[in-house]
């Protein structure tokens, strides 16, 4: 949003509110469904919904409006996470012996936070690698002058926020960033799909249901 569409940090934060609102509203619904139909179904279809949302976000276009470029994907990701987060935590804790519920909660929280940090680092590398590969390839194909390439290299660390005086080079930067962003979105979609598949395979059909 900030680099590809020029949003301010405040505007980007506000633009994320649909996903946050869905998570807040649907948390109780996800918990109710897990107790009614079982955690296995909820934790299979929740990540599947998230997968669809990330695929939609992957169709990134720097010329599109917020309502077409971001809102649908963010809304669907928020819905999927709303169904998933609370049942996932409850399922992880419920599998522990009652004597170790506190430890299970602490371990689950630590793993979640560690996974978040690792994901940010890994996806950052994926974005950087994809962006630079695309940028170099497109600059070579367009036969950009050495002087302009020097400007690009100076700005390269800003990724999609890089700005140069040459319109063609700037268009190449945005196109390369679009590919990098899509790579991250599709990677998240794949990981979400794998999460749902693991839940389907690892969780008992009766687990989480109220007796």
N, C-alpha and C. Protein backbone atom coordinates (compact mmCIF):
# COMPACT_ATOMS: atom_id res chain seq x y z
N UNK A 1 0.83 -1.20 0.00
CA UNK A 1 0.00 0.00 0.00
C UNK A 1 0.86 1.26 0.00
N UNK A 2 1.89 1.25 0.83
CA UNK A 2 2.75 2.43 0.96
C UNK A 2 3.65 2.57 -0.27
N UNK A 3 4.28 1.48 -0.69
CA UNK A 3 5.25 1.56 -1.78
C UNK A 3 4.59 1.47 -3.15
N UNK A 4 3.57 0.63 -3.27
CA UNK A 4 2.96 0.44 -4.58
C UNK A 4 1.86 1.44 -4.92
N UNK A 5 1.17 1.97 -3.89
CA UNK A 5 0.07 2.88 -4.12
C UNK A 5 0.28 4.26 -3.51
N UNK A 6 1.36 4.43 -2.77
CA UNK A 6 1.66 5.75 -2.22
C UNK A 6 0.85 6.13 -1.00
N UNK A 7 0.31 5.13 -0.28
CA UNK A 7 -0.45 5.44 0.94
C UNK A 7 0.50 5.96 2.02
N UNK A 8 -0.04 6.78 2.90
CA UNK A 8 0.70 7.13 4.11
C UNK A 8 0.60 5.96 5.08
N UNK A 9 1.43 5.97 6.12
CA UNK A 9 1.40 4.89 7.10
C UNK A 9 0.03 4.84 7.80
N UNK A 10 -0.54 6.01 8.07
CA UNK A 10 -1.85 6.06 8.72
C UNK A 10 -2.93 5.50 7.82
N UNK A 11 -2.90 5.89 6.55
CA UNK A 11 -3.90 5.39 5.60
C UNK A 11 -3.79 3.88 5.42
N UNK A 12 -2.56 3.37 5.39
CA UNK A 12 -2.37 1.92 5.25
C UNK A 12 -2.91 1.19 6.47
N UNK A 13 -2.71 1.75 7.66
CA UNK A 13 -3.24 1.13 8.87
C UNK A 13 -4.77 1.10 8.86
N UNK A 14 -5.36 2.20 8.44
CA UNK A 14 -6.83 2.28 8.37
C UNK A 14 -7.35 1.29 7.32
N UNK A 15 -6.63 1.15 6.23
CA UNK A 15 -7.05 0.25 5.16
C UNK A 15 -7.07 -1.21 5.60
N UNK A 16 -6.32 -1.53 6.65
CA UNK A 16 -6.27 -2.90 7.15
C UNK A 16 -7.43 -3.22 8.09
N UNK A 17 -8.23 -2.22 8.44
CA UNK A 17 -9.28 -2.41 9.44
C UNK A 17 -10.32 -3.48 9.06
N UNK A 18 -10.69 -3.65 7.78
CA UNK A 18 -11.65 -4.71 7.47
C UNK A 18 -11.20 -6.09 7.93
N UNK A 19 -9.92 -6.39 7.75
CA UNK A 19 -9.40 -7.70 8.19
C UNK A 19 -9.44 -7.80 9.71
N UNK A 20 -9.05 -6.74 10.39
CA UNK A 20 -9.04 -6.74 11.86
C UNK A 20 -10.47 -6.88 12.39
N UNK A 21 -11.41 -6.16 11.78
CA UNK A 21 -12.81 -6.20 12.22
C UNK A 21 -13.39 -7.61 12.04
N UNK A 22 -13.09 -8.24 10.92
CA UNK A 22 -13.59 -9.60 10.68
C UNK A 22 -13.05 -10.56 11.73
N UNK A 23 -11.77 -10.44 12.05
CA UNK A 23 -11.18 -11.31 13.06
C UNK A 23 -11.86 -11.11 14.42
N UNK A 24 -12.11 -9.85 14.77
CA UNK A 24 -12.72 -9.56 16.07
C UNK A 24 -14.16 -10.07 16.13
N UNK A 25 -14.89 -9.86 15.05
CA UNK A 25 -16.31 -10.23 15.04
C UNK A 25 -16.51 -11.74 14.97
N UNK A 26 -15.68 -12.42 14.20
CA UNK A 26 -15.92 -13.83 13.92
C UNK A 26 -15.22 -14.78 14.90
N UNK A 27 -14.47 -14.25 15.85
CA UNK A 27 -13.77 -15.12 16.79
C UNK A 27 -14.75 -16.00 17.56
N UNK A 28 -15.81 -15.41 18.07
CA UNK A 28 -16.81 -16.19 18.81
C UNK A 28 -17.52 -17.19 17.90
N UNK A 29 -17.74 -16.78 16.65
CA UNK A 29 -18.39 -17.70 15.70
C UNK A 29 -17.51 -18.91 15.45
N UNK A 30 -16.20 -18.67 15.27
CA UNK A 30 -15.27 -19.77 15.06
C UNK A 30 -15.23 -20.72 16.24
N UNK A 31 -15.24 -20.17 17.44
CA UNK A 31 -15.24 -21.00 18.65
C UNK A 31 -16.53 -21.82 18.74
N UNK A 32 -17.66 -21.19 18.44
CA UNK A 32 -18.95 -21.90 18.48
C UNK A 32 -18.98 -23.03 17.47
N UNK A 33 -18.50 -22.76 16.26
CA UNK A 33 -18.50 -23.80 15.23
C UNK A 33 -17.58 -24.95 15.60
N UNK A 34 -16.44 -24.63 16.20
CA UNK A 34 -15.51 -25.69 16.60
C UNK A 34 -16.16 -26.61 17.64
N UNK A 35 -16.93 -26.03 18.56
CA UNK A 35 -17.59 -26.83 19.59
C UNK A 35 -18.78 -27.59 19.02
N UNK A 36 -19.35 -27.08 17.95
CA UNK A 36 -20.55 -27.70 17.37
C UNK A 36 -20.22 -28.79 16.36
N UNK A 37 -19.36 -28.47 15.41
CA UNK A 37 -19.06 -29.42 14.33
C UNK A 37 -17.65 -30.00 14.42
N UNK A 38 -16.87 -29.52 15.39
CA UNK A 38 -15.52 -30.05 15.58
C UNK A 38 -14.45 -29.13 15.03
N UNK A 39 -13.31 -29.12 15.73
CA UNK A 39 -12.21 -28.23 15.33
C UNK A 39 -11.61 -28.62 13.99
N UNK A 40 -11.70 -29.91 13.65
CA UNK A 40 -11.08 -30.36 12.40
C UNK A 40 -11.66 -29.63 11.19
N UNK A 41 -12.99 -29.54 11.13
CA UNK A 41 -13.62 -28.89 9.99
C UNK A 41 -13.30 -27.41 9.97
N UNK A 42 -13.41 -26.76 11.12
CA UNK A 42 -13.16 -25.32 11.19
C UNK A 42 -11.71 -24.99 10.82
N UNK A 43 -10.77 -25.79 11.34
CA UNK A 43 -9.35 -25.51 11.09
C UNK A 43 -8.88 -26.02 9.74
N UNK A 44 -9.76 -26.69 9.02
CA UNK A 44 -9.48 -27.04 7.63
C UNK A 44 -10.00 -25.96 6.68
N UNK A 45 -11.25 -25.55 6.91
CA UNK A 45 -11.86 -24.58 6.00
C UNK A 45 -11.45 -23.14 6.31
N UNK A 46 -11.11 -22.83 7.57
CA UNK A 46 -10.62 -21.49 7.88
C UNK A 46 -9.38 -21.13 7.08
N UNK A 47 -8.31 -21.94 7.14
CA UNK A 47 -7.14 -21.66 6.32
C UNK A 47 -7.42 -21.69 4.82
N UNK A 48 -8.39 -22.51 4.40
CA UNK A 48 -8.75 -22.53 2.97
C UNK A 48 -9.31 -21.18 2.54
N UNK A 49 -10.11 -20.56 3.41
CA UNK A 49 -10.64 -19.23 3.11
C UNK A 49 -9.50 -18.21 3.06
N UNK A 50 -8.57 -18.33 4.00
CA UNK A 50 -7.39 -17.44 3.99
C UNK A 50 -6.61 -17.60 2.69
N UNK A 51 -6.49 -18.83 2.23
CA UNK A 51 -5.78 -19.10 0.97
C UNK A 51 -6.39 -18.31 -0.18
N UNK A 52 -7.71 -18.31 -0.27
CA UNK A 52 -8.40 -17.58 -1.33
C UNK A 52 -8.11 -16.08 -1.21
N UNK A 53 -8.12 -15.57 0.02
CA UNK A 53 -7.83 -14.15 0.22
C UNK A 53 -6.45 -13.76 -0.25
N UNK A 54 -5.45 -14.58 0.06
CA UNK A 54 -4.08 -14.27 -0.37
C UNK A 54 -3.93 -14.37 -1.88
N UNK A 55 -4.64 -15.31 -2.49
CA UNK A 55 -4.59 -15.41 -3.95
C UNK A 55 -5.15 -14.12 -4.58
N UNK A 56 -6.24 -13.61 -4.02
CA UNK A 56 -6.80 -12.35 -4.53
C UNK A 56 -5.81 -11.19 -4.34
N UNK A 57 -5.13 -11.16 -3.19
CA UNK A 57 -4.13 -10.11 -2.97
C UNK A 57 -2.97 -10.23 -3.94
N UNK A 58 -2.73 -11.45 -4.42
CA UNK A 58 -1.64 -11.65 -5.37
C UNK A 58 -1.87 -10.99 -6.72
N UNK A 59 -3.14 -10.69 -7.03
CA UNK A 59 -3.44 -9.99 -8.28
C UNK A 59 -3.22 -8.50 -8.10
N UNK A 60 -2.03 -8.16 -7.64
CA UNK A 60 -1.71 -6.77 -7.29
C UNK A 60 -1.54 -5.94 -8.55
N UNK A 61 -2.14 -4.76 -8.56
CA UNK A 61 -2.00 -3.83 -9.68
C UNK A 61 -1.87 -2.42 -9.10
N UNK A 62 -0.75 -1.81 -9.34
CA UNK A 62 -0.48 -0.50 -8.75
C UNK A 62 -1.40 0.58 -9.29
N UNK A 63 -2.17 0.29 -10.35
CA UNK A 63 -3.07 1.30 -10.89
C UNK A 63 -4.51 1.12 -10.39
N UNK A 64 -4.78 0.02 -9.68
CA UNK A 64 -6.14 -0.25 -9.22
C UNK A 64 -6.44 0.53 -7.94
N UNK A 65 -7.74 0.70 -7.67
CA UNK A 65 -8.16 1.37 -6.46
C UNK A 65 -8.08 0.41 -5.27
N UNK A 66 -8.21 0.97 -4.08
CA UNK A 66 -8.19 0.16 -2.86
C UNK A 66 -9.28 -0.91 -2.90
N UNK A 67 -10.45 -0.55 -3.42
CA UNK A 67 -11.61 -1.44 -3.37
C UNK A 67 -11.46 -2.65 -4.27
N UNK A 68 -10.62 -2.55 -5.27
CA UNK A 68 -10.39 -3.71 -6.14
C UNK A 68 -9.04 -4.38 -5.87
N UNK A 69 -8.03 -3.60 -5.45
CA UNK A 69 -6.70 -4.17 -5.26
C UNK A 69 -6.53 -4.84 -3.90
N UNK A 70 -7.15 -4.28 -2.86
CA UNK A 70 -6.88 -4.75 -1.51
C UNK A 70 -8.10 -5.24 -0.74
N UNK A 71 -9.21 -4.50 -0.85
CA UNK A 71 -10.35 -4.78 0.02
C UNK A 71 -10.87 -6.23 -0.07
N UNK A 72 -11.09 -6.78 -1.26
CA UNK A 72 -11.62 -8.16 -1.30
C UNK A 72 -10.70 -9.17 -0.63
N UNK A 73 -9.40 -9.08 -0.93
CA UNK A 73 -8.45 -10.02 -0.34
C UNK A 73 -8.34 -9.87 1.16
N UNK A 74 -8.25 -8.62 1.63
CA UNK A 74 -8.16 -8.39 3.07
C UNK A 74 -9.40 -8.88 3.80
N UNK A 75 -10.56 -8.63 3.21
CA UNK A 75 -11.81 -9.06 3.83
C UNK A 75 -11.85 -10.58 3.97
N UNK A 76 -11.48 -11.28 2.92
CA UNK A 76 -11.54 -12.75 2.95
C UNK A 76 -10.48 -13.32 3.88
N UNK A 77 -9.28 -12.74 3.89
CA UNK A 77 -8.26 -13.18 4.84
C UNK A 77 -8.75 -12.98 6.27
N UNK A 78 -9.38 -11.83 6.53
CA UNK A 78 -9.91 -11.56 7.87
C UNK A 78 -10.98 -12.55 8.27
N UNK A 79 -11.85 -12.91 7.33
CA UNK A 79 -12.90 -13.89 7.61
C UNK A 79 -12.28 -15.24 7.95
N UNK A 80 -11.32 -15.67 7.14
CA UNK A 80 -10.67 -16.96 7.39
C UNK A 80 -9.95 -17.00 8.72
N UNK A 81 -9.23 -15.93 9.05
CA UNK A 81 -8.52 -15.88 10.33
C UNK A 81 -9.50 -15.80 11.50
N UNK A 82 -10.62 -15.10 11.28
CA UNK A 82 -11.63 -15.03 12.34
C UNK A 82 -12.16 -16.39 12.73
N UNK A 83 -12.32 -17.25 11.74
CA UNK A 83 -12.77 -18.62 12.01
C UNK A 83 -11.67 -19.49 12.61
N UNK A 84 -10.43 -19.11 12.40
CA UNK A 84 -9.30 -20.02 12.69
C UNK A 84 -8.60 -19.76 14.02
N UNK A 85 -8.35 -18.49 14.36
CA UNK A 85 -7.42 -18.17 15.44
C UNK A 85 -7.85 -18.75 16.78
N UNK A 86 -9.07 -18.45 17.22
CA UNK A 86 -9.51 -18.92 18.54
C UNK A 86 -9.62 -20.45 18.61
N UNK A 87 -10.23 -21.12 17.63
CA UNK A 87 -10.27 -22.59 17.67
C UNK A 87 -8.89 -23.23 17.66
N UNK A 88 -7.94 -22.60 16.95
CA UNK A 88 -6.59 -23.15 16.90
C UNK A 88 -5.95 -23.13 18.28
N UNK A 89 -6.07 -22.00 18.97
CA UNK A 89 -5.53 -21.89 20.32
C UNK A 89 -6.21 -22.87 21.27
N UNK A 90 -7.54 -22.94 21.19
CA UNK A 90 -8.29 -23.84 22.08
C UNK A 90 -7.92 -25.30 21.82
N UNK A 91 -7.75 -25.67 20.56
CA UNK A 91 -7.40 -27.05 20.22
C UNK A 91 -6.01 -27.40 20.72
N UNK A 92 -5.08 -26.47 20.57
CA UNK A 92 -3.71 -26.73 21.04
C UNK A 92 -3.67 -26.94 22.55
N UNK A 93 -4.46 -26.17 23.27
CA UNK A 93 -4.48 -26.28 24.73
C UNK A 93 -5.26 -27.51 25.19
N UNK A 94 -6.36 -27.80 24.51
CA UNK A 94 -7.21 -28.93 24.91
C UNK A 94 -6.52 -30.27 24.76
N UNK A 95 -5.51 -30.34 23.90
CA UNK A 95 -4.82 -31.61 23.70
C UNK A 95 -3.89 -31.94 24.86
N UNK A 96 -3.60 -30.95 25.70
CA UNK A 96 -2.68 -31.18 26.81
C UNK A 96 -3.41 -31.77 28.01
N UNK A 97 -2.67 -32.50 28.81
CA UNK A 97 -3.19 -33.00 30.08
C UNK A 97 -3.56 -31.79 30.95
N UNK A 98 -4.66 -31.87 31.71
CA UNK A 98 -5.08 -30.74 32.54
C UNK A 98 -3.98 -30.18 33.42
N UNK A 99 -3.04 -31.02 33.83
CA UNK A 99 -1.95 -30.54 34.68
C UNK A 99 -1.00 -29.60 33.94
N UNK A 100 -1.01 -29.70 32.62
CA UNK A 100 -0.03 -28.95 31.83
C UNK A 100 -0.69 -27.89 30.94
N UNK A 101 -1.91 -27.51 31.27
CA UNK A 101 -2.60 -26.52 30.45
C UNK A 101 -1.84 -25.19 30.41
N UNK A 102 -1.32 -24.75 31.55
CA UNK A 102 -0.55 -23.51 31.59
C UNK A 102 0.69 -23.58 30.71
N UNK A 103 1.40 -24.70 30.80
CA UNK A 103 2.59 -24.88 29.96
C UNK A 103 2.22 -24.92 28.49
N UNK A 104 1.11 -25.61 28.17
CA UNK A 104 0.68 -25.71 26.77
C UNK A 104 0.33 -24.33 26.22
N UNK A 105 -0.34 -23.52 27.03
CA UNK A 105 -0.68 -22.17 26.60
C UNK A 105 0.57 -21.34 26.35
N UNK A 106 1.55 -21.44 27.25
CA UNK A 106 2.79 -20.69 27.09
C UNK A 106 3.57 -21.13 25.86
N UNK A 107 3.65 -22.43 25.64
CA UNK A 107 4.37 -22.95 24.48
C UNK A 107 3.67 -22.53 23.19
N UNK A 108 2.35 -22.63 23.18
CA UNK A 108 1.59 -22.23 21.99
C UNK A 108 1.82 -20.75 21.67
N UNK A 109 1.82 -19.91 22.69
CA UNK A 109 2.04 -18.48 22.50
C UNK A 109 3.45 -18.20 22.00
N UNK A 110 4.42 -18.89 22.58
CA UNK A 110 5.81 -18.69 22.17
C UNK A 110 6.03 -19.12 20.72
N UNK A 111 5.44 -20.26 20.35
CA UNK A 111 5.59 -20.75 18.98
C UNK A 111 4.94 -19.78 18.00
N UNK A 112 3.76 -19.27 18.36
CA UNK A 112 3.06 -18.34 17.47
C UNK A 112 3.88 -17.08 17.23
N UNK A 113 4.46 -16.54 18.30
CA UNK A 113 5.25 -15.31 18.15
C UNK A 113 6.53 -15.57 17.37
N UNK A 114 7.18 -16.69 17.65
CA UNK A 114 8.40 -17.03 16.93
C UNK A 114 8.11 -17.26 15.45
N UNK A 115 7.02 -17.96 15.17
CA UNK A 115 6.64 -18.22 13.78
C UNK A 115 6.36 -16.91 13.04
N UNK A 116 5.74 -15.96 13.73
CA UNK A 116 5.47 -14.67 13.11
C UNK A 116 6.75 -13.95 12.71
N UNK A 117 7.73 -13.97 13.61
CA UNK A 117 9.02 -13.33 13.30
C UNK A 117 9.73 -14.02 12.15
N UNK A 118 9.73 -15.35 12.16
CA UNK A 118 10.38 -16.10 11.09
C UNK A 118 9.68 -15.87 9.76
N UNK A 119 8.34 -15.79 9.79
CA UNK A 119 7.59 -15.57 8.56
C UNK A 119 7.93 -14.21 7.96
N UNK A 120 7.97 -13.18 8.81
CA UNK A 120 8.30 -11.85 8.32
C UNK A 120 9.70 -11.84 7.68
N UNK A 121 10.64 -12.49 8.34
CA UNK A 121 12.01 -12.54 7.81
C UNK A 121 12.06 -13.30 6.49
N UNK A 122 11.42 -14.47 6.45
CA UNK A 122 11.47 -15.31 5.25
C UNK A 122 10.75 -14.65 4.07
N UNK A 123 9.59 -14.05 4.35
CA UNK A 123 8.85 -13.40 3.28
C UNK A 123 9.56 -12.14 2.80
N UNK A 124 10.27 -11.48 3.71
CA UNK A 124 11.08 -10.33 3.30
C UNK A 124 12.17 -10.74 2.32
N UNK A 125 12.79 -11.87 2.59
CA UNK A 125 13.82 -12.40 1.68
C UNK A 125 13.20 -12.76 0.34
N UNK A 126 12.01 -13.39 0.37
CA UNK A 126 11.33 -13.76 -0.87
C UNK A 126 11.00 -12.53 -1.71
N UNK A 127 10.51 -11.49 -1.04
CA UNK A 127 10.19 -10.24 -1.75
C UNK A 127 11.45 -9.63 -2.36
N UNK A 128 12.50 -9.54 -1.56
CA UNK A 128 13.75 -8.92 -2.02
C UNK A 128 14.34 -9.69 -3.20
N UNK A 129 14.37 -11.01 -3.11
CA UNK A 129 14.94 -11.83 -4.17
C UNK A 129 14.13 -11.72 -5.45
N UNK A 130 12.82 -11.85 -5.34
CA UNK A 130 11.96 -11.78 -6.51
C UNK A 130 12.04 -10.39 -7.16
N UNK A 131 12.00 -9.36 -6.35
CA UNK A 131 12.07 -7.99 -6.87
C UNK A 131 13.36 -7.76 -7.63
N UNK A 132 14.48 -8.12 -7.03
CA UNK A 132 15.77 -7.86 -7.68
C UNK A 132 15.96 -8.69 -8.94
N UNK A 133 15.49 -9.93 -8.92
CA UNK A 133 15.59 -10.76 -10.12
C UNK A 133 14.80 -10.15 -11.27
N UNK A 134 13.56 -9.76 -10.97
CA UNK A 134 12.72 -9.14 -11.99
C UNK A 134 13.29 -7.80 -12.46
N UNK A 135 13.78 -7.02 -11.52
CA UNK A 135 14.30 -5.70 -11.86
C UNK A 135 15.48 -5.80 -12.81
N UNK A 136 16.45 -6.65 -12.48
CA UNK A 136 17.63 -6.79 -13.34
C UNK A 136 17.25 -7.32 -14.73
N UNK A 137 16.34 -8.29 -14.75
CA UNK A 137 15.92 -8.85 -16.03
C UNK A 137 15.22 -7.82 -16.90
N UNK A 138 14.33 -7.06 -16.31
CA UNK A 138 13.58 -6.06 -17.07
C UNK A 138 14.46 -4.89 -17.51
N UNK A 139 15.39 -4.48 -16.66
CA UNK A 139 16.31 -3.41 -17.05
C UNK A 139 17.18 -3.83 -18.22
N UNK A 140 17.65 -5.08 -18.19
CA UNK A 140 18.46 -5.59 -19.30
C UNK A 140 17.65 -5.64 -20.59
N UNK A 141 16.42 -6.12 -20.49
CA UNK A 141 15.58 -6.25 -21.68
C UNK A 141 15.23 -4.89 -22.28
N UNK A 142 15.10 -3.87 -21.42
CA UNK A 142 14.73 -2.53 -21.89
C UNK A 142 15.93 -1.71 -22.34
N UNK A 143 17.14 -2.24 -22.16
CA UNK A 143 18.37 -1.55 -22.55
C UNK A 143 18.45 -0.16 -21.91
N UNK A 144 18.19 -0.12 -20.62
CA UNK A 144 18.27 1.13 -19.87
C UNK A 144 19.71 1.62 -19.82
N UNK A 145 19.91 2.92 -19.94
CA UNK A 145 21.25 3.49 -19.97
C UNK A 145 21.98 3.29 -18.64
N UNK A 146 23.28 3.36 -18.70
CA UNK A 146 24.10 3.17 -17.51
C UNK A 146 23.79 4.22 -16.45
N UNK A 147 23.58 5.45 -16.87
CA UNK A 147 23.31 6.54 -15.93
C UNK A 147 22.00 6.28 -15.16
N UNK A 148 20.98 5.83 -15.88
CA UNK A 148 19.69 5.56 -15.22
C UNK A 148 19.81 4.34 -14.31
N UNK A 149 20.56 3.33 -14.77
CA UNK A 149 20.74 2.14 -13.94
C UNK A 149 21.47 2.49 -12.65
N UNK A 150 22.37 3.44 -12.71
CA UNK A 150 23.06 3.88 -11.50
C UNK A 150 22.06 4.50 -10.53
N UNK A 151 21.12 5.32 -11.06
CA UNK A 151 20.08 5.88 -10.20
C UNK A 151 19.23 4.77 -9.57
N UNK A 152 18.89 3.77 -10.38
CA UNK A 152 18.08 2.66 -9.88
C UNK A 152 18.81 1.92 -8.77
N UNK A 153 20.08 1.66 -8.97
CA UNK A 153 20.86 0.92 -7.98
C UNK A 153 20.98 1.68 -6.66
N UNK A 154 21.05 3.01 -6.74
CA UNK A 154 21.10 3.82 -5.54
C UNK A 154 19.79 3.70 -4.75
N UNK A 155 18.69 3.60 -5.49
CA UNK A 155 17.36 3.53 -4.87
C UNK A 155 16.88 2.10 -4.61
N UNK A 156 17.64 1.10 -5.03
CA UNK A 156 17.19 -0.28 -5.03
C UNK A 156 16.70 -0.76 -3.66
N UNK A 157 17.37 -0.33 -2.61
CA UNK A 157 17.01 -0.79 -1.27
C UNK A 157 15.60 -0.37 -0.86
N UNK A 158 15.03 0.64 -1.52
CA UNK A 158 13.68 1.09 -1.20
C UNK A 158 12.61 0.23 -1.85
N UNK A 159 13.03 -0.70 -2.67
CA UNK A 159 12.15 -1.65 -3.38
C UNK A 159 11.08 -0.87 -4.15
N UNK A 160 9.80 -1.08 -3.83
CA UNK A 160 8.75 -0.40 -4.57
C UNK A 160 8.70 1.08 -4.33
N UNK A 161 9.37 1.55 -3.30
CA UNK A 161 9.40 2.98 -3.01
C UNK A 161 10.49 3.72 -3.76
N UNK A 162 11.28 3.01 -4.56
CA UNK A 162 12.36 3.66 -5.32
C UNK A 162 11.77 4.60 -6.36
N UNK A 163 12.36 5.75 -6.51
CA UNK A 163 11.91 6.73 -7.49
C UNK A 163 13.11 7.27 -8.27
N UNK A 164 12.99 7.28 -9.59
CA UNK A 164 14.06 7.80 -10.46
C UNK A 164 13.43 8.78 -11.44
N UNK A 165 14.30 9.48 -12.18
CA UNK A 165 13.81 10.51 -13.10
C UNK A 165 13.29 9.93 -14.41
N UNK A 166 13.69 8.72 -14.73
CA UNK A 166 13.31 8.13 -16.01
C UNK A 166 11.97 7.40 -15.87
N UNK A 167 10.93 7.78 -16.64
CA UNK A 167 9.60 7.15 -16.52
C UNK A 167 9.62 5.65 -16.83
N UNK A 168 10.40 5.26 -17.83
CA UNK A 168 10.45 3.84 -18.19
C UNK A 168 11.06 3.01 -17.06
N UNK A 169 12.14 3.51 -16.47
CA UNK A 169 12.77 2.79 -15.36
C UNK A 169 11.86 2.74 -14.15
N UNK A 170 11.13 3.82 -13.91
CA UNK A 170 10.21 3.82 -12.77
C UNK A 170 9.08 2.82 -12.98
N UNK A 171 8.60 2.71 -14.21
CA UNK A 171 7.58 1.71 -14.52
C UNK A 171 8.11 0.30 -14.31
N UNK A 172 9.37 0.09 -14.65
CA UNK A 172 10.00 -1.22 -14.45
C UNK A 172 10.11 -1.53 -12.97
N UNK A 173 10.46 -0.54 -12.17
CA UNK A 173 10.55 -0.73 -10.71
C UNK A 173 9.21 -1.18 -10.14
N UNK A 174 8.13 -0.49 -10.53
CA UNK A 174 6.81 -0.84 -10.02
C UNK A 174 6.36 -2.21 -10.50
N UNK A 175 6.68 -2.54 -11.75
CA UNK A 175 6.32 -3.86 -12.28
C UNK A 175 7.08 -4.96 -11.53
N UNK A 176 8.34 -4.71 -11.22
CA UNK A 176 9.15 -5.69 -10.48
C UNK A 176 8.63 -5.84 -9.06
N UNK A 177 8.23 -4.72 -8.47
CA UNK A 177 7.67 -4.79 -7.12
C UNK A 177 6.35 -5.56 -7.11
N UNK A 178 5.56 -5.37 -8.16
CA UNK A 178 4.29 -6.09 -8.26
C UNK A 178 4.52 -7.60 -8.27
N UNK A 179 5.53 -8.04 -9.01
CA UNK A 179 5.86 -9.47 -9.06
C UNK A 179 6.33 -9.95 -7.69
N UNK A 180 7.16 -9.13 -7.03
CA UNK A 180 7.65 -9.52 -5.70
C UNK A 180 6.52 -9.63 -4.69
N UNK A 181 5.60 -8.65 -4.72
CA UNK A 181 4.46 -8.69 -3.81
C UNK A 181 3.59 -9.91 -4.08
N UNK A 182 3.37 -10.20 -5.36
CA UNK A 182 2.56 -11.37 -5.71
C UNK A 182 3.23 -12.66 -5.26
N UNK A 183 4.55 -12.71 -5.34
CA UNK A 183 5.28 -13.88 -4.87
C UNK A 183 5.03 -14.12 -3.38
N UNK A 184 5.07 -13.04 -2.61
CA UNK A 184 4.80 -13.14 -1.17
C UNK A 184 3.36 -13.59 -0.92
N UNK A 185 2.41 -12.99 -1.63
CA UNK A 185 1.00 -13.34 -1.44
C UNK A 185 0.74 -14.80 -1.79
N UNK A 186 1.30 -15.27 -2.89
CA UNK A 186 1.08 -16.67 -3.28
C UNK A 186 1.80 -17.64 -2.34
N UNK A 187 2.93 -17.21 -1.79
CA UNK A 187 3.61 -18.04 -0.79
C UNK A 187 2.75 -18.18 0.46
N UNK A 188 2.14 -17.08 0.89
CA UNK A 188 1.23 -17.12 2.04
C UNK A 188 0.02 -18.00 1.74
N UNK A 189 -0.47 -17.94 0.51
CA UNK A 189 -1.60 -18.78 0.13
C UNK A 189 -1.23 -20.25 0.22
N UNK A 190 -0.04 -20.59 -0.25
CA UNK A 190 0.42 -21.98 -0.19
C UNK A 190 0.58 -22.45 1.25
N UNK A 191 1.15 -21.60 2.09
CA UNK A 191 1.32 -21.96 3.50
C UNK A 191 -0.02 -22.13 4.20
N UNK A 192 -0.99 -21.27 3.87
CA UNK A 192 -2.32 -21.39 4.46
C UNK A 192 -2.99 -22.69 4.03
N UNK A 193 -2.83 -23.03 2.76
CA UNK A 193 -3.40 -24.29 2.26
C UNK A 193 -2.77 -25.47 2.99
N UNK A 194 -1.46 -25.43 3.18
CA UNK A 194 -0.77 -26.51 3.89
C UNK A 194 -1.24 -26.60 5.34
N UNK A 195 -1.51 -25.45 5.96
CA UNK A 195 -2.01 -25.44 7.34
C UNK A 195 -3.35 -26.15 7.43
N UNK A 196 -4.24 -25.86 6.48
CA UNK A 196 -5.53 -26.52 6.47
C UNK A 196 -5.40 -28.01 6.24
N UNK A 197 -4.48 -28.39 5.36
CA UNK A 197 -4.26 -29.81 5.08
C UNK A 197 -3.72 -30.54 6.30
N UNK A 198 -2.80 -29.91 7.01
CA UNK A 198 -2.26 -30.51 8.24
C UNK A 198 -3.35 -30.68 9.28
N UNK A 199 -4.21 -29.66 9.41
CA UNK A 199 -5.31 -29.76 10.37
C UNK A 199 -6.23 -30.92 10.03
N UNK A 200 -6.53 -31.08 8.76
CA UNK A 200 -7.41 -32.16 8.33
C UNK A 200 -6.81 -33.53 8.63
N UNK A 201 -5.49 -33.63 8.46
CA UNK A 201 -4.84 -34.92 8.66
C UNK A 201 -4.53 -35.22 10.12
N UNK A 202 -4.29 -34.17 10.92
CA UNK A 202 -3.78 -34.37 12.28
C UNK A 202 -4.83 -34.33 13.38
N UNK A 203 -5.96 -33.69 13.11
CA UNK A 203 -6.96 -33.50 14.17
C UNK A 203 -8.06 -34.55 14.05
N UNK A 204 -8.43 -35.12 15.18
CA UNK A 204 -9.51 -36.10 15.21
C UNK A 204 -10.84 -35.45 14.87
N UNK A 205 -11.72 -36.14 14.13
CA UNK A 205 -13.03 -35.56 13.77
C UNK A 205 -13.84 -35.13 14.97
N UNK A 206 -13.65 -35.78 16.12
CA UNK A 206 -14.43 -35.46 17.31
C UNK A 206 -13.78 -34.41 18.20
N UNK A 207 -12.53 -34.06 17.90
CA UNK A 207 -11.81 -33.15 18.79
C UNK A 207 -12.42 -31.76 18.77
N UNK A 208 -12.61 -31.20 19.95
CA UNK A 208 -13.13 -29.85 20.07
C UNK A 208 -14.63 -29.78 20.24
N UNK A 209 -15.35 -30.88 19.93
CA UNK A 209 -16.81 -30.86 20.06
C UNK A 209 -17.22 -30.86 21.53
N UNK A 210 -18.28 -30.15 21.83
CA UNK A 210 -18.83 -30.14 23.17
C UNK A 210 -19.57 -31.46 23.42
N UNK A 211 -19.44 -31.98 24.64
CA UNK A 211 -20.11 -33.23 24.96
C UNK A 211 -21.40 -32.95 25.71
